Amino acid sequence: MLKVVKLFSKPYLKSIECLLTLSQFDFVCTSSLIILSIYTTHKIR
């Protein structure tokens, strides 16, 4: 789990980058967006 957190320690930048370049919207981008949404949800709680 720690590895995942480290891997997506800066998911905001990655997500924005992916959204700006939809042509490169691949698995990594999707994963980062999913992780970001989950992380944000837990942080709000």
C-alpha atoms as a PDB file:
ATOM      1  CA  MET A   1       0.000   0.000   0.000  1.00  0.00           C
ATOM      2  CA  LEU A   2       2.870   2.368   0.780  1.00  0.00           C
ATOM      3  CA  LYS A   3       4.300   1.754  -2.663  1.00  0.00           C
ATOM      4  CA  VAL A   4       1.007   2.794  -4.213  1.00  0.00           C
ATOM      5  CA  VAL A   5       0.931   5.959  -2.123  1.00  0.00           C
ATOM      6  CA  LYS A   6       4.491   6.793  -3.146  1.00  0.00           C
ATOM      7  CA  LEU A   7       3.709   6.029  -6.766  1.00  0.00           C
ATOM      8  CA  PHE A   8       0.756   8.435  -6.716  1.00  0.00           C
ATOM      9  CA  SER A   9       2.207  10.982  -4.313  1.00  0.00           C
ATOM     10  CA  LYS A  10       1.550  13.641  -6.948  1.00  0.00           C
ATOM     11  CA  PRO A  11      -1.632  12.383  -8.620  1.00  0.00           C
ATOM     12  CA  TYR A  12      -3.024  15.872  -9.143  1.00  0.00           C
ATOM     13  CA  LEU A  13      -0.382  16.871 -11.676  1.00  0.00           C
ATOM     14  CA  LYS A  14      -0.632  13.518 -13.425  1.00  0.00           C
ATOM     15  CA  SER A  15      -4.416  13.728 -13.603  1.00  0.00           C
ATOM     16  CA  ILE A  16      -4.342  17.252 -15.018  1.00  0.00           C
ATOM     17  CA  GLU A  17      -1.682  16.216 -17.504  1.00  0.00           C
ATOM     18  CA  CYS A  18      -3.799  13.252 -18.595  1.00  0.00           C
ATOM     19  CA  LEU A  19      -6.924  15.359 -18.943  1.00  0.00           C
ATOM     20  CA  LEU A  20      -5.040  17.853 -21.089  1.00  0.00           C
ATOM     21  CA  THR A  21      -3.677  15.095 -23.311  1.00  0.00           C
ATOM     22  CA  LEU A  22      -6.631  12.792 -23.841  1.00  0.00           C
ATOM     23  CA  SER A  23      -4.843  11.229 -26.796  1.00  0.00           C
ATOM     24  CA  GLN A  24      -2.475   9.662 -24.279  1.00  0.00           C
ATOM     25  CA  PHE A  25      -5.207   8.652 -21.847  1.00  0.00           C
ATOM     26  CA  ASP A  26      -3.955   5.170 -21.055  1.00  0.00           C
ATOM     27  CA  PHE A  27      -4.091   2.747 -18.139  1.00  0.00           C
ATOM     28  CA  VAL A  28      -1.671   4.785 -16.037  1.00  0.00           C
ATOM     29  CA  CYS A  29      -3.779   7.904 -16.388  1.00  0.00           C
ATOM     30  CA  THR A  30      -6.962   6.024 -15.577  1.00  0.00           C
ATOM     31  CA  SER A  31      -5.330   4.442 -12.548  1.00  0.00           C
ATOM     32  CA  SER A  32      -4.024   7.763 -11.274  1.00  0.00           C
ATOM     33  CA  LEU A  33      -7.472   9.337 -11.643  1.00  0.00           C
ATOM     34  CA  ILE A  34      -9.102   6.445  -9.783  1.00  0.00           C
ATOM     35  CA  ILE A  35      -6.483   6.562  -7.028  1.00  0.00           C
ATOM     36  CA  LEU A  36      -6.883  10.328  -6.809  1.00  0.00           C
ATOM     37  CA  SER A  37     -10.655  10.089  -6.412  1.00  0.00           C
ATOM     38  CA  ILE A  38     -10.341   7.368  -3.761  1.00  0.00           C
ATOM     39  CA  TYR A  39      -7.603   9.287  -1.928  1.00  0.00           C
ATOM     40  CA  THR A  40      -9.617  12.510  -2.012  1.00  0.00           C
ATOM     41  CA  THR A  41     -12.744  10.752  -0.753  1.00  0.00           C
ATOM     42  CA  HIS A  42     -10.869   9.258   2.188  1.00  0.00           C
ATOM     43  CA  LYS A  43      -9.166  12.547   2.970  1.00  0.00           C
ATOM     44  CA  ILE A  44     -12.509  14.374   3.090  1.00  0.00           C
ATOM     45  CA  ARG A  45     -13.812  11.814   5.581  1.00  0.00           C
END
